[in-house]
Amino acid sequence: MTSVHIDRRVGKLEARVADIEETHGDALYDLKREVCEVRIVQKRSFALLLEHIGIPPNRVAEITTATAAEVDAALDADC
């Protein structure tokens, strides 16, 4: 195999590795955001349940999905 062939194969391999790293990083970030959102909604749900059975939790008016800003803030606080 000549050096041109090796260089071409290494170039293709480097491009493929870069694609995998980018996709993997994006997938991990999306997964972390989703888990954080679930935790926020779960905390609201639990607080509402406690309020319903008469144990005074932090006041939560209703269960809603977490906004993007709330998820970002929670991620910044290491959710």
PDB file of N, CA and C in Angstrom:
ATOM      1  N   MET A   1       0.850  -1.158   0.000  1.00  0.00           N
ATOM      2  CA  MET A   1       0.000   0.000   0.000  1.00  0.00           C
ATOM      3  C   MET A   1       0.911   1.241   0.000  1.00  0.00           C
ATOM      4  N   THR A   2       0.581   2.193  -0.828  1.00  0.00           N
ATOM      5  CA  THR A   2       1.421   3.386  -0.931  1.00  0.00           C
ATOM      6  C   THR A   2       1.029   4.404   0.135  1.00  0.00           C
ATOM      7  N   SER A   3       1.880   5.376   0.321  1.00  0.00           N
ATOM      8  CA  SER A   3       1.597   6.398   1.326  1.00  0.00           C
ATOM      9  C   SER A   3       0.356   7.210   0.962  1.00  0.00           C
ATOM     10  N   VAL A   4       0.067   7.350  -0.316  1.00  0.00           N
ATOM     11  CA  VAL A   4      -1.142   8.064  -0.746  1.00  0.00           C
ATOM     12  C   VAL A   4      -2.387   7.307  -0.287  1.00  0.00           C
ATOM     13  N   HIS A   5      -2.362   5.976  -0.454  1.00  0.00           N
ATOM     14  CA  HIS A   5      -3.484   5.152  -0.005  1.00  0.00           C
ATOM     15  C   HIS A   5      -3.646   5.228   1.515  1.00  0.00           C
ATOM     16  N   ILE A   6      -2.548   5.158   2.208  1.00  0.00           N
ATOM     17  CA  ILE A   6      -2.594   5.219   3.676  1.00  0.00           C
ATOM     18  C   ILE A   6      -3.115   6.578   4.128  1.00  0.00           C
ATOM     19  N   ASP A   7      -2.609   7.648   3.498  1.00  0.00           N
ATOM     20  CA  ASP A   7      -3.080   8.992   3.855  1.00  0.00           C
ATOM     21  C   ASP A   7      -4.577   9.135   3.611  1.00  0.00           C
ATOM     22  N   ARG A   8      -5.057   8.590   2.498  1.00  0.00           N
ATOM     23  CA  ARG A   8      -6.488   8.658   2.176  1.00  0.00           C
ATOM     24  C   ARG A   8      -7.305   7.896   3.212  1.00  0.00           C
ATOM     25  N   ARG A   9      -6.843   6.708   3.563  1.00  0.00           N
ATOM     26  CA  ARG A   9      -7.566   5.892   4.562  1.00  0.00           C
ATOM     27  C   ARG A   9      -7.543   6.547   5.936  1.00  0.00           C
ATOM     28  N   VAL A  10      -6.407   7.115   6.317  1.00  0.00           N
ATOM     29  CA  VAL A  10      -6.316   7.798   7.609  1.00  0.00           C
ATOM     30  C   VAL A  10      -7.232   9.018   7.614  1.00  0.00           C
ATOM     31  N   GLY A  11      -7.280   9.740   6.514  1.00  0.00           N
ATOM     32  CA  GLY A  11      -8.170  10.900   6.411  1.00  0.00           C
ATOM     33  C   GLY A  11      -9.628  10.516   6.575  1.00  0.00           C
ATOM     34  N   LYS A  12     -10.020   9.419   5.913  1.00  0.00           N
ATOM     35  CA  LYS A  12     -11.401   8.932   6.054  1.00  0.00           C
ATOM     36  C   LYS A  12     -11.679   8.500   7.488  1.00  0.00           C
ATOM     37  N   LEU A  13     -10.724   7.838   8.101  1.00  0.00           N
ATOM     38  CA  LEU A  13     -10.884   7.391   9.480  1.00  0.00           C
ATOM     39  C   LEU A  13     -11.010   8.574  10.431  1.00  0.00           C
ATOM     40  N   GLU A  14     -10.194   9.592  10.239  1.00  0.00           N
ATOM     41  CA  GLU A  14     -10.268  10.787  11.080  1.00  0.00           C
ATOM     42  C   GLU A  14     -11.620  11.472  10.942  1.00  0.00           C
ATOM     43  N   ALA A  15     -12.136  11.550   9.714  1.00  0.00           N
ATOM     44  CA  ALA A  15     -13.444  12.169   9.484  1.00  0.00           C
ATOM     45  C   ALA A  15     -14.539  11.369  10.174  1.00  0.00           C
ATOM     46  N   ARG A  16     -14.454  10.042  10.080  1.00  0.00           N
ATOM     47  CA  ARG A  16     -15.462   9.182  10.724  1.00  0.00           C
ATOM     48  C   ARG A  16     -15.417   9.313  12.244  1.00  0.00           C
ATOM     49  N   VAL A  17     -14.242   9.354  12.813  1.00  0.00           N
ATOM     50  CA  VAL A  17     -14.097   9.509  14.262  1.00  0.00           C
ATOM     51  C   VAL A  17     -14.677  10.855  14.704  1.00  0.00           C
ATOM     52  N   ALA A  18     -14.405  11.900  13.945  1.00  0.00           N
ATOM     53  CA  ALA A  18     -14.953  13.220  14.270  1.00  0.00           C
ATOM     54  C   ALA A  18     -16.476  13.199  14.230  1.00  0.00           C
ATOM     55  N   ASP A  19     -17.067  12.511  13.237  1.00  0.00           N
ATOM     56  CA  ASP A  19     -18.526  12.398  13.149  1.00  0.00           C
ATOM     57  C   ASP A  19     -19.091  11.663  14.358  1.00  0.00           C
ATOM     58  N   ILE A  20     -18.452  10.586  14.737  1.00  0.00           N
ATOM     59  CA  ILE A  20     -18.917   9.798  15.889  1.00  0.00           C
ATOM     60  C   ILE A  20     -18.810  10.617  17.171  1.00  0.00           C
ATOM     61  N   GLU A  21     -17.696  11.308  17.360  1.00  0.00           N
ATOM     62  CA  GLU A  21     -17.523  12.113  18.568  1.00  0.00           C
ATOM     63  C   GLU A  21     -18.581  13.209  18.651  1.00  0.00           C
ATOM     64  N   GLU A  22     -18.868  13.860  17.525  1.00  0.00           N
ATOM     65  CA  GLU A  22     -19.873  14.929  17.520  1.00  0.00           C
ATOM     66  C   GLU A  22     -21.256  14.380  17.828  1.00  0.00           C
ATOM     67  N   THR A  23     -21.624  13.287  17.177  1.00  0.00           N
ATOM     68  CA  THR A  23     -22.930  12.677  17.399  1.00  0.00           C
ATOM     69  C   THR A  23     -23.065  12.189  18.837  1.00  0.00           C
ATOM     70  N   HIS A  24     -22.025  11.555  19.349  1.00  0.00           N
ATOM     71  CA  HIS A  24     -22.040  11.044  20.718  1.00  0.00           C
ATOM     72  C   HIS A  24     -22.192  12.187  21.718  1.00  0.00           C
ATOM     73  N   GLY A  25     -21.454  13.259  21.520  1.00  0.00           N
ATOM     74  CA  GLY A  25     -21.542  14.409  22.419  1.00  0.00           C
ATOM     75  C   GLY A  25     -22.923  15.034  22.403  1.00  0.00           C
ATOM     76  N   ASP A  26     -23.508  15.175  21.214  1.00  0.00           N
ATOM     77  CA  ASP A  26     -24.856  15.731  21.101  1.00  0.00           C
ATOM     78  C   ASP A  26     -25.876  14.833  21.787  1.00  0.00           C
ATOM     79  N   ALA A  27     -25.742  13.535  21.595  1.00  0.00           N
ATOM     80  CA  ALA A  27     -26.681  12.594  22.208  1.00  0.00           C
ATOM     81  C   ALA A  27     -26.579  12.639  23.728  1.00  0.00           C
ATOM     82  N   LEU A  28     -25.364  12.702  24.253  1.00  0.00           N
ATOM     83  CA  LEU A  28     -25.208  12.785  25.708  1.00  0.00           C
ATOM     84  C   LEU A  28     -25.804  14.071  26.264  1.00  0.00           C
ATOM     85  N   TYR A  29     -25.599  15.188  25.565  1.00  0.00           N
ATOM     86  CA  TYR A  29     -26.158  16.464  26.014  1.00  0.00           C
ATOM     87  C   TYR A  29     -27.687  16.407  26.009  1.00  0.00           C
ATOM     88  N   ASP A  30     -28.277  15.866  24.936  1.00  0.00           N
ATOM     89  CA  ASP A  30     -29.739  15.749  24.860  1.00  0.00           C
ATOM     90  C   ASP A  30     -30.274  14.858  25.973  1.00  0.00           C
ATOM     91  N   LEU A  31     -29.602  13.750  26.226  1.00  0.00           N
ATOM     92  CA  LEU A  31     -30.022  12.842  27.291  1.00  0.00           C
ATOM     93  C   LEU A  31     -29.944  13.515  28.650  1.00  0.00           C
ATOM     94  N   LYS A  32     -28.875  14.257  28.898  1.00  0.00           N
ATOM     95  CA  LYS A  32     -28.727  14.949  30.181  1.00  0.00           C
ATOM     96  C   LYS A  32     -29.834  15.987  30.361  1.00  0.00           C
ATOM     97  N   ARG A  33     -30.195  16.715  29.301  1.00  0.00           N
ATOM     98  CA  ARG A  33     -31.282  17.692  29.381  1.00  0.00           C
ATOM     99  C   ARG A  33     -32.610  17.002  29.701  1.00  0.00           C
ATOM    100  N   GLU A  34     -32.875  15.871  29.046  1.00  0.00           N
ATOM    101  CA  GLU A  34     -34.132  15.159  29.276  1.00  0.00           C
ATOM    102  C   GLU A  34     -34.220  14.641  30.708  1.00  0.00           C
ATOM    103  N   VAL A  35     -33.141  14.088  31.219  1.00  0.00           N
ATOM    104  CA  VAL A  35     -33.133  13.589  32.598  1.00  0.00           C
ATOM    105  C   VAL A  35     -33.349  14.739  33.571  1.00  0.00           C
ATOM    106  N   CYS A  36     -32.723  15.858  33.304  1.00  0.00           N
ATOM    107  CA  CYS A  36     -32.879  17.022  34.170  1.00  0.00           C
ATOM    108  C   CYS A  36     -34.336  17.495  34.160  1.00  0.00           C
ATOM    109  N   GLU A  37     -34.950  17.518  32.985  1.00  0.00           N
ATOM    110  CA  GLU A  37     -36.346  17.940  32.884  1.00  0.00           C
ATOM    111  C   GLU A  37     -37.254  16.984  33.656  1.00  0.00           C
ATOM    112  N   VAL A  38     -36.998  15.690  33.543  1.00  0.00           N
ATOM    113  CA  VAL A  38     -37.796  14.703  34.274  1.00  0.00           C
ATOM    114  C   VAL A  38     -37.656  14.922  35.779  1.00  0.00           C
ATOM    115  N   ARG A  39     -36.449  15.212  36.243  1.00  0.00           N
ATOM    116  CA  ARG A  39     -36.247  15.457  37.676  1.00  0.00           C
ATOM    117  C   ARG A  39     -37.028  16.673  38.150  1.00  0.00           C
ATOM    118  N   ILE A  40     -37.045  17.731  37.353  1.00  0.00           N
ATOM    119  CA  ILE A  40     -37.788  18.935  37.734  1.00  0.00           C
ATOM    120  C   ILE A  40     -39.269  18.626  37.859  1.00  0.00           C
ATOM    121  N   VAL A  41     -39.838  17.941  36.860  1.00  0.00           N
ATOM    122  CA  VAL A  41     -41.257  17.606  36.885  1.00  0.00           C
ATOM    123  C   VAL A  41     -41.560  16.625  38.019  1.00  0.00           C
ATOM    124  N   GLN A  42     -40.647  15.687  38.271  1.00  0.00           N
ATOM    125  CA  GLN A  42     -40.850  14.729  39.361  1.00  0.00           C
ATOM    126  C   GLN A  42     -40.906  15.442  40.707  1.00  0.00           C
ATOM    127  N   LYS A  43     -40.041  16.429  40.909  1.00  0.00           N
ATOM    128  CA  LYS A  43     -40.062  17.177  42.171  1.00  0.00           C
ATOM    129  C   LYS A  43     -41.373  17.922  42.336  1.00  0.00           C
ATOM    130  N   ARG A  44     -41.874  18.506  41.254  1.00  0.00           N
ATOM    131  CA  ARG A  44     -43.165  19.203  41.313  1.00  0.00           C
ATOM    132  C   ARG A  44     -44.291  18.230  41.626  1.00  0.00           C
ATOM    133  N   SER A  45     -44.253  17.071  40.994  1.00  0.00           N
ATOM    134  CA  SER A  45     -45.292  16.068  41.208  1.00  0.00           C
ATOM    135  C   SER A  45     -45.297  15.594  42.656  1.00  0.00           C
ATOM    136  N   PHE A  46     -44.124  15.341  43.205  1.00  0.00           N
ATOM    137  CA  PHE A  46     -44.022  14.875  44.582  1.00  0.00           C
ATOM    138  C   PHE A  46     -44.514  15.943  45.554  1.00  0.00           C
ATOM    139  N   ALA A  47     -44.166  17.200  45.284  1.00  0.00           N
ATOM    140  CA  ALA A  47     -44.623  18.289  46.146  1.00  0.00           C
ATOM    141  C   ALA A  47     -46.143  18.395  46.117  1.00  0.00           C
ATOM    142  N   LEU A  48     -46.725  18.241  44.937  1.00  0.00           N
ATOM    143  CA  LEU A  48     -48.176  18.297  44.817  1.00  0.00           C
ATOM    144  C   LEU A  48     -48.828  17.125  45.542  1.00  0.00           C
ATOM    145  N   LEU A  49     -48.232  15.954  45.462  1.00  0.00           N
ATOM    146  CA  LEU A  49     -48.749  14.786  46.169  1.00  0.00           C
ATOM    147  C   LEU A  49     -48.709  15.011  47.677  1.00  0.00           C
ATOM    148  N   LEU A  50     -47.594  15.527  48.180  1.00  0.00           N
ATOM    149  CA  LEU A  50     -47.493  15.808  49.613  1.00  0.00           C
ATOM    150  C   LEU A  50     -48.543  16.821  50.047  1.00  0.00           C
ATOM    151  N   GLU A  51     -48.736  17.842  49.246  1.00  0.00           N
ATOM    152  CA  GLU A  51     -49.747  18.847  49.577  1.00  0.00           C
ATOM    153  C   GLU A  51     -51.134  18.216  49.606  1.00  0.00           C
ATOM    154  N   HIS A  52     -51.410  17.322  48.667  1.00  0.00           N
ATOM    155  CA  HIS A  52     -52.714  16.670  48.588  1.00  0.00           C
ATOM    156  C   HIS A  52     -53.001  15.830  49.835  1.00  0.00           C
ATOM    157  N   ILE A  53     -51.990  15.171  50.391  1.00  0.00           N
ATOM    158  CA  ILE A  53     -52.226  14.339  51.571  1.00  0.00           C
ATOM    159  C   ILE A  53     -52.031  15.103  52.874  1.00  0.00           C
ATOM    160  N   GLY A  54     -51.799  16.407  52.757  1.00  0.00           N
ATOM    161  CA  GLY A  54     -51.780  17.242  53.941  1.00  0.00           C
ATOM    162  C   GLY A  54     -50.422  17.512  54.549  1.00  0.00           C
ATOM    163  N   ILE A  55     -49.364  17.101  53.925  1.00  0.00           N
ATOM    164  CA  ILE A  55     -48.018  17.398  54.415  1.00  0.00           C
ATOM    165  C   ILE A  55     -47.550  18.646  53.678  1.00  0.00           C
ATOM    166  N   PRO A  56     -47.245  19.730  54.388  1.00  0.00           N
ATOM    167  CA  PRO A  56     -46.923  20.980  53.700  1.00  0.00           C
ATOM    168  C   PRO A  56     -45.533  20.980  53.052  1.00  0.00           C
ATOM    169  N   PRO A  57     -45.474  20.832  51.743  1.00  0.00           N
ATOM    170  CA  PRO A  57     -44.202  20.955  51.030  1.00  0.00           C
ATOM    171  C   PRO A  57     -43.996  22.402  50.597  1.00  0.00           C
ATOM    172  N   ASN A  58     -42.966  22.639  49.806  1.00  0.00           N
ATOM    173  CA  ASN A  58     -42.850  23.957  49.185  1.00  0.00           C
ATOM    174  C   ASN A  58     -44.057  24.123  48.276  1.00  0.00           C
ATOM    175  N   ARG A  59     -44.623  25.296  48.259  1.00  0.00           N
ATOM    176  CA  ARG A  59     -45.853  25.537  47.500  1.00  0.00           C
ATOM    177  C   ARG A  59     -45.600  25.428  45.993  1.00  0.00           C
ATOM    178  N   VAL A  60     -46.357  24.524  45.342  1.00  0.00           N
ATOM    179  CA  VAL A  60     -46.302  24.361  43.897  1.00  0.00           C
ATOM    180  C   VAL A  60     -47.737  24.431  43.396  1.00  0.00           C
ATOM    181  N   ALA A  61     -48.029  25.390  42.538  1.00  0.00           N
ATOM    182  CA  ALA A  61     -49.401  25.606  42.096  1.00  0.00           C
ATOM    183  C   ALA A  61     -49.907  24.465  41.203  1.00  0.00           C
ATOM    184  N   GLU A  62     -49.120  24.028  40.257  1.00  0.00           N
ATOM    185  CA  GLU A  62     -49.537  22.961  39.355  1.00  0.00           C
ATOM    186  C   GLU A  62     -48.319  22.273  38.758  1.00  0.00           C
ATOM    187  N   ILE A  63     -48.563  21.104  38.213  1.00  0.00           N
ATOM    188  CA  ILE A  63     -47.487  20.366  37.553  1.00  0.00           C
ATOM    189  C   ILE A  63     -47.429  20.835  36.109  1.00  0.00           C
ATOM    190  N   THR A  64     -46.284  21.280  35.697  1.00  0.00           N
ATOM    191  CA  THR A  64     -46.080  21.706  34.314  1.00  0.00           C
ATOM    192  C   THR A  64     -44.753  21.146  33.841  1.00  0.00           C
ATOM    193  N   THR A  65     -44.564  21.140  32.546  1.00  0.00           N
ATOM    194  CA  THR A  65     -43.273  20.708  32.030  1.00  0.00           C
ATOM    195  C   THR A  65     -42.254  21.805  32.299  1.00  0.00           C
ATOM    196  N   ALA A  66     -41.036  21.416  32.404  1.00  0.00           N
ATOM    197  CA  ALA A  66     -39.966  22.381  32.657  1.00  0.00           C
ATOM    198  C   ALA A  66     -39.673  23.160  31.385  1.00  0.00           C
ATOM    199  N   THR A  67     -39.437  24.448  31.546  1.00  0.00           N
ATOM    200  CA  THR A  67     -39.073  25.264  30.392  1.00  0.00           C
ATOM    201  C   THR A  67     -37.600  25.052  30.069  1.00  0.00           C
ATOM    202  N   ALA A  68     -37.215  25.469  28.887  1.00  0.00           N
ATOM    203  CA  ALA A  68     -35.812  25.349  28.480  1.00  0.00           C
ATOM    204  C   ALA A  68     -34.917  26.149  29.422  1.00  0.00           C
ATOM    205  N   ALA A  69     -35.394  27.303  29.869  1.00  0.00           N
ATOM    206  CA  ALA A  69     -34.611  28.127  30.792  1.00  0.00           C
ATOM    207  C   ALA A  69     -34.413  27.427  32.132  1.00  0.00           C
ATOM    208  N   GLU A  70     -35.453  26.743  32.616  1.00  0.00           N
ATOM    209  CA  GLU A  70     -35.337  26.009  33.877  1.00  0.00           C
ATOM    210  C   GLU A  70     -34.353  24.855  33.750  1.00  0.00           C
ATOM    211  N   VAL A  71     -34.410  24.152  32.633  1.00  0.00           N
ATOM    212  CA  VAL A  71     -33.482  23.046  32.405  1.00  0.00           C
ATOM    213  C   VAL A  71     -32.049  23.575  32.333  1.00  0.00           C
ATOM    214  N   ASP A  72     -31.860  24.684  31.602  1.00  0.00           N
ATOM    215  CA  ASP A  72     -30.523  25.286  31.509  1.00  0.00           C
ATOM    216  C   ASP A  72     -30.014  25.683  32.891  1.00  0.00           C
ATOM    217  N   ALA A  73     -30.879  26.315  33.705  1.00  0.00           N
ATOM    218  CA  ALA A  73     -30.470  26.735  35.042  1.00  0.00           C
ATOM    219  C   ALA A  73     -30.118  25.536  35.911  1.00  0.00           C
ATOM    220  N   ALA A  74     -30.908  24.467  35.812  1.00  0.00           N
ATOM    221  CA  ALA A  74     -30.641  23.269  36.594  1.00  0.00           C
ATOM    222  C   ALA A  74     -29.346  22.590  36.141  1.00  0.00           C
ATOM    223  N   LEU A  75     -29.104  22.582  34.833  1.00  0.00           N
ATOM    224  CA  LEU A  75     -27.853  22.006  34.330  1.00  0.00           C
ATOM    225  C   LEU A  75     -26.671  22.822  34.800  1.00  0.00           C
ATOM    226  N   ASP A  76     -26.826  24.146  34.821  1.00  0.00           N
ATOM    227  CA  ASP A  76     -25.748  25.004  35.310  1.00  0.00           C
ATOM    228  C   ASP A  76     -25.470  24.756  36.789  1.00  0.00           C
ATOM    229  N   ALA A  77     -26.536  24.382  37.529  1.00  0.00           N
ATOM    230  CA  ALA A  77     -26.383  24.076  38.948  1.00  0.00           C
ATOM    231  C   ALA A  77     -26.008  22.622  39.162  1.00  0.00           C
ATOM    232  N   ASP A  78     -25.672  21.898  38.068  1.00  0.00           N
ATOM    233  CA  ASP A  78     -25.265  20.493  38.096  1.00  0.00           C
ATOM    234  C   ASP A  78     -26.388  19.613  38.603  1.00  0.00           C
ATOM    235  N   CYS A  79     -27.498  19.586  37.860  1.00  0.00           N
ATOM    236  CA  CYS A  79     -28.721  18.841  38.184  1.00  0.00           C
ATOM    237  C   CYS A  79     -28.438  17.390  38.425  1.00  0.00           C
TER     238      CYS A  79
END
